[in-house]
Amino acid sequence: MKLKFRILSAIILTVLVFTSLSYTSGVVEGQTPTSEVLLFEGWNFIGLPLVPEDPSIDIVLSEIIDNVEAVWTFDGYLKTWSSYSPRAPSDLTEMVEDKGYWIKMKTNVILTIYGCESESETLLLSYISYLEYRLETIMDINIKQYYTWEYLDVTWNWDITPIPISLYVDYYERSRPIYWSSWVDMAKDPDDDYYITKMIQQINSDSIKAGFTEIEKVNFVISFVQSLPYTVDSVTTPWDEYPRYPIETLFDRGGDCEDTSILVAALLDRLGYDVCLIFLEDDNHAATGISIEGGYGTYYIHEGVEYFYLETTGEGWQIGEKPSSLISTSAYIYPLNP
C-alpha cells in the first residue's frame, strides 16, 4: 500500500488553517464584508474566510496577481489536482470558500477577500473536529513497504519493518538544511536507527546466504537504492528543493540524487564502512563515496583517503562507475565520520 502524503498533508493543513490561523475581518454597514489573509513568500496553504462576491480566480487574486506564481488545489472526490498560473492556460478557474489552496508567492502580501460570511461555518467547525479525531487515528497507522529488484540475475524481495505515519510526519515537518554539508547530519540522524538497523540485518543476512564479497555487498546495497524511482522535488513536494531523510525516501519509495545518496550513505555507514557524500557542483548532482579495500574505478582523494564513486540514481551502476554525462572535474567531499 502506498499512501499519498499529499492527501494527508492537505488534511493536516486544513485543520491547521481553519483552527489556528486568524484572519482580519471587517464589516461596515452598507459595504461588502472584507477579510484579509496574510501570505508569505513561498508556499502557503489557505482557505477563503468569506464567500467571494465573484469566485473567478482572476478576480479573487486581482489585487496581488503580480506577486502570484502558482495556485494548486486537490479534489478529494475526483482524486485530481488543478492548478493556476497567471497569464497562462490553467484548469483552476475559481476559488471558493469550502476548499483549501496551495499558493506560491513571490513576496509577502496581504490578500483582501470581498464577499459574505459562509452559512456553512457551523458545519465546517463540526467537520474540522471530526478531521482532528480522524487525524489522530491516521497517525497511529503503520505502513509496510515491499520492494522488488534485480541483482546478479536474481530477483530480490524485501519488506521493511512497518513505519508509523506519525514518524514520517515528524520528519516531513522538519526544516531542510541549506548547506550540502548538512546532508551528513540527515544520513546520521538517530531517530530512524531502529528501522535502518532492521534493514542492515536484512542486508547482512542476504549477503551471507548469497556468499557476497565485500565489493558485491556494496553493489547489492546500491542496486537496491538504484531500483527506487527517480522523482523531482518540484513535482512530488511543494518545494523546488527538498532533501529527504532516509526514512522519507524509503516511505516515499523514491527521490532525487541527494535523497538516494543520503540513503545509501546511511545504510553503508551503519554497515561499518567509511563513506562520504559527494556533490558535483558543475552538474548539480549528488552521489556517495566509499573507502574500501579492493575498490576500483573513479575515486576522489580527501585528506589522504580514497573514496570510490557510487552512483545512486539509474540502475546497473557499480562501485567506481561514474556516468560519462557528468562533466565536473572536482567535487565537494563530506565524510560521515571525519
Protein backbone atom coordinates (compact mmCIF):
# COMPACT_ATOMS: atom_id res chain seq x y z
CA MET A 1 0.00 0.00 0.00
CA LYS A 2 1.44 3.36 -0.98
CA LEU A 3 -0.08 6.24 0.95
CA LYS A 4 -0.15 9.54 -0.94
CA PHE A 5 1.20 12.03 1.59
CA ARG A 6 -0.20 14.96 -0.35
CA ILE A 7 -3.71 13.93 0.67
CA LEU A 8 -2.67 13.51 4.30
CA SER A 9 -0.84 16.85 4.34
CA ALA A 10 -3.91 18.53 2.88
CA ILE A 11 -6.00 17.16 5.76
CA ILE A 12 -3.40 18.26 8.32
CA LEU A 13 -3.10 21.73 6.85
CA THR A 14 -6.86 22.10 6.52
CA VAL A 15 -7.16 21.56 10.27
CA LEU A 16 -4.30 23.99 10.97
CA VAL A 17 -5.65 26.68 8.66
CA PHE A 18 -9.17 26.71 9.97
CA THR A 19 -8.38 26.15 13.66
CA SER A 20 -5.13 28.07 14.15
CA LEU A 21 -4.79 30.94 11.68
CA SER A 22 -6.53 34.24 12.33
CA TYR A 23 -7.97 36.38 9.59
CA THR A 24 -8.56 40.11 9.92
CA SER A 25 -12.18 40.80 9.05
CA GLY A 26 -14.24 43.96 8.86
CA VAL A 27 -17.90 44.73 8.26
CA VAL A 28 -19.09 48.29 7.69
CA GLU A 29 -22.82 48.87 7.36
CA GLY A 30 -23.76 49.28 3.73
CA GLN A 31 -20.45 47.92 2.47
CA THR A 32 -19.32 44.49 1.34
CA PRO A 33 -17.66 42.49 4.15
CA THR A 34 -13.91 42.03 3.74
CA SER A 35 -11.31 39.74 5.22
CA GLU A 36 -7.53 39.95 4.98
CA VAL A 37 -5.26 36.92 4.64
CA LEU A 38 -1.51 37.30 5.16
CA LEU A 39 0.50 35.38 2.54
CA PHE A 40 4.24 34.79 2.86
CA GLU A 41 6.93 34.42 0.21
CA GLY A 42 6.98 30.80 -0.95
CA TRP A 43 4.20 28.27 -0.41
CA ASN A 44 1.07 28.98 1.69
CA PHE A 45 -1.95 26.80 2.36
CA ILE A 46 -5.18 28.76 2.91
CA GLY A 47 -8.95 28.60 2.84
CA LEU A 48 -11.17 31.60 2.00
CA PRO A 49 -12.79 33.03 5.16
CA LEU A 50 -15.65 34.54 3.13
CA VAL A 51 -17.82 33.50 0.20
CA PRO A 52 -16.28 35.65 -2.57
CA GLU A 53 -18.55 38.01 -4.50
CA ASP A 54 -17.07 36.71 -7.73
CA PRO A 55 -15.29 33.32 -7.41
CA SER A 56 -13.28 33.80 -10.61
CA ILE A 57 -9.67 33.22 -9.57
CA ASP A 58 -8.52 36.22 -11.62
CA ILE A 59 -10.92 38.42 -9.66
CA VAL A 60 -10.17 36.93 -6.23
CA LEU A 61 -6.43 37.42 -6.73
CA SER A 62 -6.61 40.58 -8.84
CA GLU A 63 -5.03 42.90 -6.24
CA ILE A 64 -1.97 40.65 -5.73
CA ILE A 65 -1.80 38.92 -9.13
CA ASP A 66 1.67 40.29 -9.96
CA ASN A 67 3.09 38.51 -6.91
CA VAL A 68 1.40 35.15 -7.52
CA GLU A 69 3.49 32.36 -9.07
CA ALA A 70 1.05 29.43 -8.88
CA VAL A 71 -2.06 28.10 -7.15
CA TRP A 72 -2.89 24.41 -6.62
CA THR A 73 -5.88 22.60 -5.14
CA PHE A 74 -6.82 18.95 -4.68
CA ASP A 75 -10.25 17.45 -5.39
CA GLY A 76 -10.69 14.68 -2.83
CA TYR A 77 -13.66 13.22 -4.69
CA LEU A 78 -12.06 13.05 -8.14
CA LYS A 79 -8.54 12.46 -6.70
CA THR A 80 -7.14 15.10 -9.06
CA TRP A 81 -5.03 18.24 -8.76
CA SER A 82 -5.89 21.52 -10.53
CA SER A 83 -3.54 24.44 -10.95
CA TYR A 84 -3.47 28.11 -11.93
CA SER A 85 -0.67 30.25 -13.31
CA PRO A 86 -1.24 33.96 -14.05
CA ARG A 87 -1.48 34.79 -17.71
CA ALA A 88 -1.17 31.13 -18.76
CA PRO A 89 -3.71 28.42 -19.65
CA SER A 90 -4.96 26.87 -16.40
CA ASP A 91 -7.57 24.32 -15.32
CA LEU A 92 -8.21 26.02 -11.96
CA THR A 93 -10.61 28.87 -12.71
CA GLU A 94 -12.40 29.57 -9.41
CA MET A 95 -11.64 29.95 -5.70
CA VAL A 96 -14.47 29.06 -3.32
CA GLU A 97 -14.82 29.12 0.45
CA ASP A 98 -15.05 25.38 1.10
CA LYS A 99 -11.73 24.27 -0.37
CA GLY A 100 -8.05 24.55 0.52
CA TYR A 101 -5.46 26.10 -1.81
CA TRP A 102 -1.67 25.99 -2.08
CA ILE A 103 -0.49 29.46 -3.18
CA LYS A 104 3.13 30.20 -4.08
CA MET A 105 4.04 33.87 -3.63
CA LYS A 106 7.00 35.92 -4.88
CA THR A 107 6.91 38.10 -1.76
CA ASN A 108 4.89 38.73 1.41
CA VAL A 109 1.49 40.28 0.67
CA ILE A 110 -1.98 40.72 2.14
CA LEU A 111 -4.87 39.22 0.18
CA THR A 112 -8.18 41.02 0.71
CA ILE A 113 -11.30 38.89 0.18
CA TYR A 114 -14.60 40.62 -0.66
CA GLY A 115 -17.77 38.66 -0.02
CA CYS A 116 -20.19 37.44 2.61
CA GLU A 117 -20.00 35.11 5.58
CA SER A 118 -20.49 31.42 4.89
CA GLU A 119 -23.77 29.89 6.04
CA SER A 120 -21.91 26.58 6.48
CA GLU A 121 -19.49 27.82 9.20
CA THR A 122 -21.07 25.70 11.94
CA LEU A 123 -20.98 22.64 9.70
CA LEU A 124 -17.34 23.41 8.84
CA LEU A 125 -16.31 23.60 12.50
CA SER A 126 -18.03 20.27 13.17
CA TYR A 127 -16.23 18.75 10.21
CA ILE A 128 -12.90 20.09 11.48
CA SER A 129 -13.48 18.42 14.84
CA TYR A 130 -14.14 15.17 13.01
CA LEU A 131 -10.96 15.64 10.97
CA GLU A 132 -8.93 16.17 14.14
CA TYR A 133 -10.30 12.91 15.54
CA ARG A 134 -9.60 11.06 12.30
CA LEU A 135 -6.12 12.56 12.13
CA GLU A 136 -5.22 11.04 15.49
CA THR A 137 -6.36 7.67 14.16
CA ILE A 138 -4.40 8.11 10.93
CA MET A 139 -1.22 8.93 12.85
CA ASP A 140 -1.40 5.55 14.60
CA ILE A 141 -1.33 3.62 11.30
CA ASN A 142 1.86 1.71 10.40
CA ILE A 143 2.74 1.34 6.72
CA LYS A 144 4.65 -1.70 5.46
CA GLN A 145 6.56 -1.26 2.21
CA TYR A 146 7.56 -4.02 -0.20
CA TYR A 147 10.46 -3.77 -2.64
CA THR A 148 11.44 -5.96 -5.60
CA TRP A 149 14.56 -5.54 -7.74
CA GLU A 150 17.20 -7.46 -9.69
CA TYR A 151 20.83 -8.02 -8.69
CA LEU A 152 23.26 -10.56 -10.21
CA ASP A 153 20.40 -12.14 -12.19
CA VAL A 154 18.42 -12.82 -9.00
CA THR A 155 15.09 -11.25 -8.06
CA TRP A 156 15.21 -9.91 -4.51
CA ASN A 157 12.12 -9.20 -2.40
CA TRP A 158 12.29 -7.14 0.75
CA ASP A 159 9.79 -5.73 3.18
CA ILE A 160 10.89 -3.45 5.98
CA THR A 161 9.53 -3.04 9.47
CA PRO A 162 6.26 -1.05 9.27
CA ILE A 163 6.86 2.70 9.56
CA PRO A 164 4.38 4.73 11.67
CA ILE A 165 2.80 7.61 9.79
CA SER A 166 3.44 9.73 12.88
CA LEU A 167 7.22 9.22 12.43
CA TYR A 168 7.02 10.09 8.75
CA VAL A 169 5.05 13.27 9.51
CA ASP A 170 7.60 14.18 12.18
CA TYR A 171 10.38 14.03 9.57
CA TYR A 172 8.25 15.77 6.94
CA GLU A 173 7.72 18.75 9.24
CA ARG A 174 11.43 19.22 9.95
CA SER A 175 13.24 22.16 8.42
CA ARG A 176 15.50 21.38 5.46
CA PRO A 177 19.23 22.20 5.55
CA ILE A 178 20.53 24.81 3.12
CA TYR A 179 24.14 23.57 3.07
CA TRP A 180 25.29 20.40 1.32
CA SER A 181 27.48 19.51 4.28
CA SER A 182 24.35 19.24 6.45
CA TRP A 183 23.24 16.19 4.46
CA VAL A 184 25.69 14.28 6.65
CA ASP A 185 23.51 15.04 9.69
CA MET A 186 20.46 13.77 7.80
CA ALA A 187 22.22 10.49 6.96
CA LYS A 188 23.28 10.01 10.58
CA ASP A 189 20.04 11.15 12.21
CA PRO A 190 19.43 8.75 15.12
CA ASP A 191 15.63 8.85 15.18
CA ASP A 192 15.36 6.28 12.37
CA ASP A 193 18.05 3.94 13.78
CA TYR A 194 15.55 1.21 14.63
CA TYR A 195 14.32 0.95 11.02
CA ILE A 196 17.75 1.33 9.42
CA THR A 197 19.08 -1.37 11.78
CA LYS A 198 16.35 -3.74 10.64
CA MET A 199 17.41 -3.14 7.03
CA ILE A 200 21.06 -3.75 7.96
CA GLN A 201 20.08 -7.10 9.44
CA GLN A 202 18.30 -7.99 6.18
CA ILE A 203 21.30 -6.90 4.09
CA ASN A 204 23.77 -8.91 6.21
CA SER A 205 21.53 -11.98 6.21
CA ASP A 206 21.05 -11.99 2.43
CA SER A 207 24.73 -11.24 1.80
CA ILE A 208 25.87 -14.17 3.94
CA LYS A 209 23.40 -16.56 2.31
CA ALA A 210 24.49 -15.45 -1.17
CA GLY A 211 28.21 -15.57 -0.31
CA PHE A 212 28.81 -11.98 -1.42
CA THR A 213 32.28 -10.45 -1.25
CA GLU A 214 32.56 -7.01 0.38
CA ILE A 215 32.50 -5.36 -3.05
CA GLU A 216 29.42 -7.38 -4.07
CA LYS A 217 27.76 -6.47 -0.80
CA VAL A 218 28.26 -2.76 -1.50
CA ASN A 219 26.94 -3.17 -5.05
CA PHE A 220 23.99 -5.09 -3.56
CA VAL A 221 23.08 -2.10 -1.38
CA ILE A 222 23.37 0.46 -4.17
CA SER A 223 21.41 -1.77 -6.57
CA PHE A 224 18.52 -1.72 -4.10
CA VAL A 225 18.55 2.08 -3.84
CA GLN A 226 19.04 2.48 -7.61
CA SER A 227 15.83 0.49 -8.13
CA LEU A 228 13.79 3.21 -6.39
CA PRO A 229 12.10 5.56 -8.90
CA TYR A 230 13.75 8.91 -9.56
CA THR A 231 11.38 11.72 -8.61
CA VAL A 232 11.60 15.51 -8.95
CA ASP A 233 11.14 17.61 -5.81
CA SER A 234 9.03 20.29 -7.53
CA VAL A 235 6.60 17.56 -8.66
CA THR A 236 6.41 15.40 -5.51
CA THR A 237 6.58 18.23 -2.94
CA PRO A 238 5.54 21.90 -2.77
CA TRP A 239 9.25 22.87 -2.82
CA ASP A 240 11.82 23.21 -5.59
CA GLU A 241 14.48 21.59 -3.39
CA TYR A 242 13.59 19.12 -0.67
CA PRO A 243 16.37 16.79 0.57
CA ARG A 244 14.80 13.75 2.23
CA TYR A 245 15.82 11.89 5.34
CA PRO A 246 16.45 8.14 4.78
CA ILE A 247 13.11 7.16 6.31
CA GLU A 248 11.29 9.55 3.95
CA THR A 249 12.96 8.10 0.85
CA LEU A 250 12.05 4.57 1.99
CA PHE A 251 8.47 5.60 2.76
CA ASP A 252 8.06 7.58 -0.46
CA ARG A 253 9.74 4.76 -2.40
CA GLY A 254 11.91 7.19 -4.34
CA GLY A 255 13.60 10.56 -4.56
CA ASP A 256 16.22 12.51 -6.48
CA CYS A 257 20.02 12.24 -6.35
CA GLU A 258 20.62 13.77 -2.91
CA ASP A 259 17.81 11.68 -1.39
CA THR A 260 19.15 8.36 -2.67
CA SER A 261 22.74 9.36 -1.85
CA ILE A 262 21.77 10.19 1.74
CA LEU A 263 20.01 6.82 1.99
CA VAL A 264 22.98 4.87 0.58
CA ALA A 265 25.35 6.72 2.91
CA ALA A 266 23.13 5.93 5.91
CA LEU A 267 22.97 2.22 5.06
CA LEU A 268 26.69 1.80 4.32
CA ASP A 269 27.65 3.83 7.39
CA ARG A 270 25.53 1.58 9.62
CA LEU A 271 27.18 -1.43 7.92
CA GLY A 272 30.52 -0.14 9.19
CA TYR A 273 32.03 1.31 6.01
CA ASP A 274 33.91 4.59 5.74
CA VAL A 275 31.61 6.62 3.47
CA CYS A 276 31.12 10.19 2.36
CA LEU A 277 28.59 12.28 0.48
CA ILE A 278 29.79 13.76 -2.81
CA PHE A 279 28.45 16.87 -4.50
CA LEU A 280 29.38 17.73 -8.09
CA GLU A 281 28.61 21.44 -8.34
CA ASP A 282 29.03 21.78 -12.13
CA ASP A 283 26.45 19.01 -12.62
CA ASN A 284 24.25 19.90 -9.63
CA HIS A 285 24.47 16.19 -8.80
CA ALA A 286 24.94 14.23 -5.59
CA ALA A 287 26.45 10.79 -5.08
CA THR A 288 28.05 8.67 -2.36
CA GLY A 289 31.67 7.65 -1.90
CA ILE A 290 33.20 4.67 -0.09
CA SER A 291 36.71 3.83 1.08
CA ILE A 292 37.07 0.08 0.66
CA GLU A 293 39.86 -2.39 0.04
CA GLY A 294 39.73 -3.74 -3.50
CA GLY A 295 37.80 -0.72 -4.79
CA TYR A 296 38.17 0.19 -8.44
CA GLY A 297 37.21 2.86 -10.96
CA THR A 298 36.65 6.56 -10.30
CA TYR A 299 37.64 7.86 -6.88
CA TYR A 300 38.28 11.14 -5.07
CA ILE A 301 41.03 11.73 -2.52
CA HIS A 302 40.04 13.59 0.63
CA GLU A 303 42.59 14.10 3.40
CA GLY A 304 44.58 11.15 2.09
CA VAL A 305 41.59 8.79 1.85
CA GLU A 306 40.43 7.35 -1.49
CA TYR A 307 36.62 7.45 -1.78
CA PHE A 308 35.31 5.40 -4.72
CA TYR A 309 32.35 6.91 -6.54
CA LEU A 310 28.90 5.31 -6.07
CA GLU A 311 26.10 6.40 -8.41
CA THR A 312 22.75 6.11 -6.62
CA THR A 313 20.32 7.01 -9.45
CA GLY A 314 19.52 4.91 -12.51
CA GLU A 315 20.20 1.18 -12.50
CA GLY A 316 23.20 -1.02 -13.16
CA TRP A 317 25.96 1.30 -11.87
CA GLN A 318 28.58 -0.42 -9.73
CA ILE A 319 31.33 0.81 -7.46
CA GLY A 320 33.64 3.26 -9.21
CA GLU A 321 31.40 3.72 -12.28
CA LYS A 322 30.67 7.38 -12.92
CA PRO A 323 28.23 8.34 -15.72
CA SER A 324 30.06 9.88 -18.68
CA SER A 325 27.41 12.63 -18.85
CA LEU A 326 28.81 14.18 -15.66
CA ILE A 327 31.32 16.91 -16.50
CA SER A 328 32.54 18.02 -13.06
CA THR A 329 36.30 17.61 -12.66
CA SER A 330 36.26 18.31 -8.92
CA ALA A 331 33.90 17.50 -6.08
CA TYR A 332 32.92 18.51 -2.58
CA ILE A 333 33.55 15.62 -0.17
CA TYR A 334 31.69 15.29 3.14
CA PRO A 335 32.76 12.22 5.18
CA LEU A 336 30.14 10.86 7.58
CA ASN A 337 32.83 10.24 10.18
CA PRO A 338 35.57 12.86 9.64
